Amino acid sequence: MRNKAVTKAYYESLGFVAAGSGDYNDYLMVRKDQVEIHFFLFRELDPKENYGQVYIRVKDIEALYAVLLADGIKIHPNGPLQTKPWRQKEFSLLDPDNNLLTFGEAA
């Protein structure tokens, strides 16, 4: 993450909450359900060169997708909800630092 406040606000918009027992200047932990993601400060990160990615398995992906759309969350231009050839329903988002978040559920 380049900016802790921006990253925290983005993940809160996805329904994540702060995790852990402390607040660290250069470190952020967020969680939602069974998923916990940790970030470290990297001010020099160039989002155009970032290849960070996370795959998050979910239940009821259609409902999650609908909530995110209703909340105005921007879906990756190449990642709308669809069933992939590998029999997963998936969609993707890019966070403010271009970390790719792919959500998936067995089709």
C-alpha atoms as a PDB file:
ATOM      1  CA  MET A   1       0.000   0.000   0.000  1.00  0.00           C
ATOM      2  CA  ARG A   2       1.126   3.508  -0.730  1.00  0.00           C
ATOM      3  CA  ASN A   3      -1.298   5.213   1.641  1.00  0.00           C
ATOM      4  CA  LYS A   4      -2.741   3.474   4.690  1.00  0.00           C
ATOM      5  CA  ALA A   5      -5.817   5.713   4.986  1.00  0.00           C
ATOM      6  CA  VAL A   6      -6.743   5.248   1.311  1.00  0.00           C
ATOM      7  CA  THR A   7      -6.251   1.478   1.470  1.00  0.00           C
ATOM      8  CA  LYS A   8      -8.215   1.168   4.704  1.00  0.00           C
ATOM      9  CA  ALA A   9     -11.119   3.223   3.303  1.00  0.00           C
ATOM     10  CA  TYR A  10     -11.240   1.138   0.121  1.00  0.00           C
ATOM     11  CA  TYR A  11     -11.351  -2.181   1.958  1.00  0.00           C
ATOM     12  CA  GLU A  12     -13.956  -0.835   4.374  1.00  0.00           C
ATOM     13  CA  SER A  13     -16.090  -0.035   1.312  1.00  0.00           C
ATOM     14  CA  LEU A  14     -15.873  -3.763   0.500  1.00  0.00           C
ATOM     15  CA  GLY A  15     -17.067  -4.686   3.994  1.00  0.00           C
ATOM     16  CA  PHE A  16     -13.691  -5.381   5.614  1.00  0.00           C
ATOM     17  CA  VAL A  17     -12.943  -4.172   9.151  1.00  0.00           C
ATOM     18  CA  ALA A  18      -9.683  -3.492  10.962  1.00  0.00           C
ATOM     19  CA  ALA A  19      -8.026  -6.632  12.309  1.00  0.00           C
ATOM     20  CA  GLY A  20      -5.393  -7.106  14.974  1.00  0.00           C
ATOM     21  CA  SER A  21      -4.979  -5.583  18.385  1.00  0.00           C
ATOM     22  CA  GLY A  22      -2.936  -2.513  17.498  1.00  0.00           C
ATOM     23  CA  ASP A  23      -2.588   0.311  15.022  1.00  0.00           C
ATOM     24  CA  TYR A  24       0.793   0.369  13.317  1.00  0.00           C
ATOM     25  CA  ASN A  25       1.932   3.297  11.167  1.00  0.00           C
ATOM     26  CA  ASP A  26       3.378   1.204   8.347  1.00  0.00           C
ATOM     27  CA  TYR A  27       1.151  -1.865   8.547  1.00  0.00           C
ATOM     28  CA  LEU A  28      -2.550  -2.545   8.015  1.00  0.00           C
ATOM     29  CA  MET A  29      -4.597  -5.663   8.708  1.00  0.00           C
ATOM     30  CA  VAL A  30      -8.193  -6.032   7.507  1.00  0.00           C
ATOM     31  CA  ARG A  31     -10.605  -8.940   7.717  1.00  0.00           C
ATOM     32  CA  LYS A  32     -13.992 -10.030   6.476  1.00  0.00           C
ATOM     33  CA  ASP A  33     -15.505 -13.376   7.395  1.00  0.00           C
ATOM     34  CA  GLN A  34     -12.679 -15.926   7.065  1.00  0.00           C
ATOM     35  CA  VAL A  35     -10.394 -13.660   5.003  1.00  0.00           C
ATOM     36  CA  GLU A  36      -7.615 -11.561   6.517  1.00  0.00           C
ATOM     37  CA  ILE A  37      -5.316  -9.422   4.369  1.00  0.00           C
ATOM     38  CA  HIS A  38      -2.157  -7.668   5.559  1.00  0.00           C
ATOM     39  CA  PHE A  39      -0.520  -4.669   3.892  1.00  0.00           C
ATOM     40  CA  PHE A  40       2.808  -2.967   4.464  1.00  0.00           C
ATOM     41  CA  LEU A  41       3.677   0.601   3.551  1.00  0.00           C
ATOM     42  CA  PHE A  42       5.482   0.888   0.212  1.00  0.00           C
ATOM     43  CA  ARG A  43       5.410   4.564  -0.791  1.00  0.00           C
ATOM     44  CA  GLU A  44       7.547   3.962  -3.886  1.00  0.00           C
ATOM     45  CA  LEU A  45       5.118   1.401  -5.311  1.00  0.00           C
ATOM     46  CA  ASP A  46       4.269   2.129  -8.933  1.00  0.00           C
ATOM     47  CA  PRO A  47       0.688   0.878  -9.411  1.00  0.00           C
ATOM     48  CA  LYS A  48       1.337   0.392 -13.140  1.00  0.00           C
ATOM     49  CA  GLU A  49       4.042  -2.141 -12.276  1.00  0.00           C
ATOM     50  CA  ASN A  50       2.280  -3.820  -9.364  1.00  0.00           C
ATOM     51  CA  TYR A  51       1.467  -7.487  -9.883  1.00  0.00           C
ATOM     52  CA  GLY A  52       0.049  -8.216  -6.413  1.00  0.00           C
ATOM     53  CA  GLN A  53      -2.986 -10.458  -6.457  1.00  0.00           C
ATOM     54  CA  VAL A  54      -5.264 -12.327  -4.078  1.00  0.00           C
ATOM     55  CA  TYR A  55      -7.848 -15.031  -4.810  1.00  0.00           C
ATOM     56  CA  ILE A  56     -10.745 -15.056  -2.336  1.00  0.00           C
ATOM     57  CA  ARG A  57     -13.170 -17.987  -2.271  1.00  0.00           C
ATOM     58  CA  VAL A  58     -16.685 -16.930  -1.327  1.00  0.00           C
ATOM     59  CA  LYS A  59     -20.193 -18.310  -0.976  1.00  0.00           C
ATOM     60  CA  ASP A  60     -23.153 -16.767  -2.814  1.00  0.00           C
ATOM     61  CA  ILE A  61     -20.970 -14.840  -5.240  1.00  0.00           C
ATOM     62  CA  GLU A  62     -23.980 -13.438  -7.119  1.00  0.00           C
ATOM     63  CA  ALA A  63     -25.239 -11.711  -3.958  1.00  0.00           C
ATOM     64  CA  LEU A  64     -21.781 -10.309  -3.171  1.00  0.00           C
ATOM     65  CA  TYR A  65     -21.407  -9.019  -6.718  1.00  0.00           C
ATOM     66  CA  ALA A  66     -24.858  -7.370  -6.580  1.00  0.00           C
ATOM     67  CA  VAL A  67     -24.055  -5.644  -3.274  1.00  0.00           C
ATOM     68  CA  LEU A  68     -20.742  -4.322  -4.589  1.00  0.00           C
ATOM     69  CA  LEU A  69     -22.403  -3.005  -7.754  1.00  0.00           C
ATOM     70  CA  ALA A  70     -25.178  -1.371  -5.703  1.00  0.00           C
ATOM     71  CA  ASP A  71     -22.509   0.251  -3.508  1.00  0.00           C
ATOM     72  CA  GLY A  72     -20.791   1.698  -6.591  1.00  0.00           C
ATOM     73  CA  ILE A  73     -17.662  -0.447  -6.337  1.00  0.00           C
ATOM     74  CA  LYS A  74     -15.778  -0.391  -9.626  1.00  0.00           C
ATOM     75  CA  ILE A  75     -15.381  -3.852 -11.151  1.00  0.00           C
ATOM     76  CA  HIS A  76     -12.212  -4.589 -13.131  1.00  0.00           C
ATOM     77  CA  PRO A  77     -12.927  -3.791 -16.808  1.00  0.00           C
ATOM     78  CA  ASN A  78     -11.925  -7.337 -17.790  1.00  0.00           C
ATOM     79  CA  GLY A  79     -13.377  -8.973 -14.695  1.00  0.00           C
ATOM     80  CA  PRO A  80     -17.182  -8.917 -14.567  1.00  0.00           C
ATOM     81  CA  LEU A  81     -18.940 -11.861 -12.971  1.00  0.00           C
ATOM     82  CA  GLN A  82     -18.780 -14.845 -15.293  1.00  0.00           C
ATOM     83  CA  THR A  83     -18.360 -18.593 -15.263  1.00  0.00           C
ATOM     84  CA  LYS A  84     -14.863 -19.529 -16.334  1.00  0.00           C
ATOM     85  CA  PRO A  85     -13.873 -22.654 -18.322  1.00  0.00           C
ATOM     86  CA  TRP A  86     -12.359 -24.055 -15.111  1.00  0.00           C
ATOM     87  CA  ARG A  87     -15.898 -24.114 -13.609  1.00  0.00           C
ATOM     88  CA  GLN A  88     -15.489 -21.185 -11.257  1.00  0.00           C
ATOM     89  CA  LYS A  89     -17.766 -18.151 -11.115  1.00  0.00           C
ATOM     90  CA  GLU A  90     -15.429 -15.198 -10.731  1.00  0.00           C
ATOM     91  CA  PHE A  91     -15.157 -11.436 -10.779  1.00  0.00           C
ATOM     92  CA  SER A  92     -12.239  -9.104 -10.114  1.00  0.00           C
ATOM     93  CA  LEU A  93     -11.492  -5.707  -8.629  1.00  0.00           C
ATOM     94  CA  LEU A  94      -8.402  -3.520  -8.537  1.00  0.00           C
ATOM     95  CA  ASP A  95      -7.637  -1.750  -5.282  1.00  0.00           C
ATOM     96  CA  PRO A  96      -6.114   1.769  -5.238  1.00  0.00           C
ATOM     97  CA  ASP A  97      -2.604   0.310  -5.645  1.00  0.00           C
ATOM     98  CA  ASN A  98      -3.597  -2.055  -8.461  1.00  0.00           C
ATOM     99  CA  ASN A  99      -3.615  -5.186  -6.318  1.00  0.00           C
ATOM    100  CA  LEU A 100      -5.887  -7.597  -8.171  1.00  0.00           C
ATOM    101  CA  LEU A 101      -8.654  -9.111  -6.038  1.00  0.00           C
ATOM    102  CA  THR A 102     -10.411 -12.039  -7.655  1.00  0.00           C
ATOM    103  CA  PHE A 103     -13.471 -13.485  -5.933  1.00  0.00           C
ATOM    104  CA  GLY A 104     -14.493 -17.005  -6.880  1.00  0.00           C
ATOM    105  CA  GLU A 105     -16.997 -19.752  -6.162  1.00  0.00           C
ATOM    106  CA  ALA A 106     -17.389 -23.213  -7.665  1.00  0.00           C
ATOM    107  CA  ALA A 107     -19.910 -23.151 -10.496  1.00  0.00           C
END
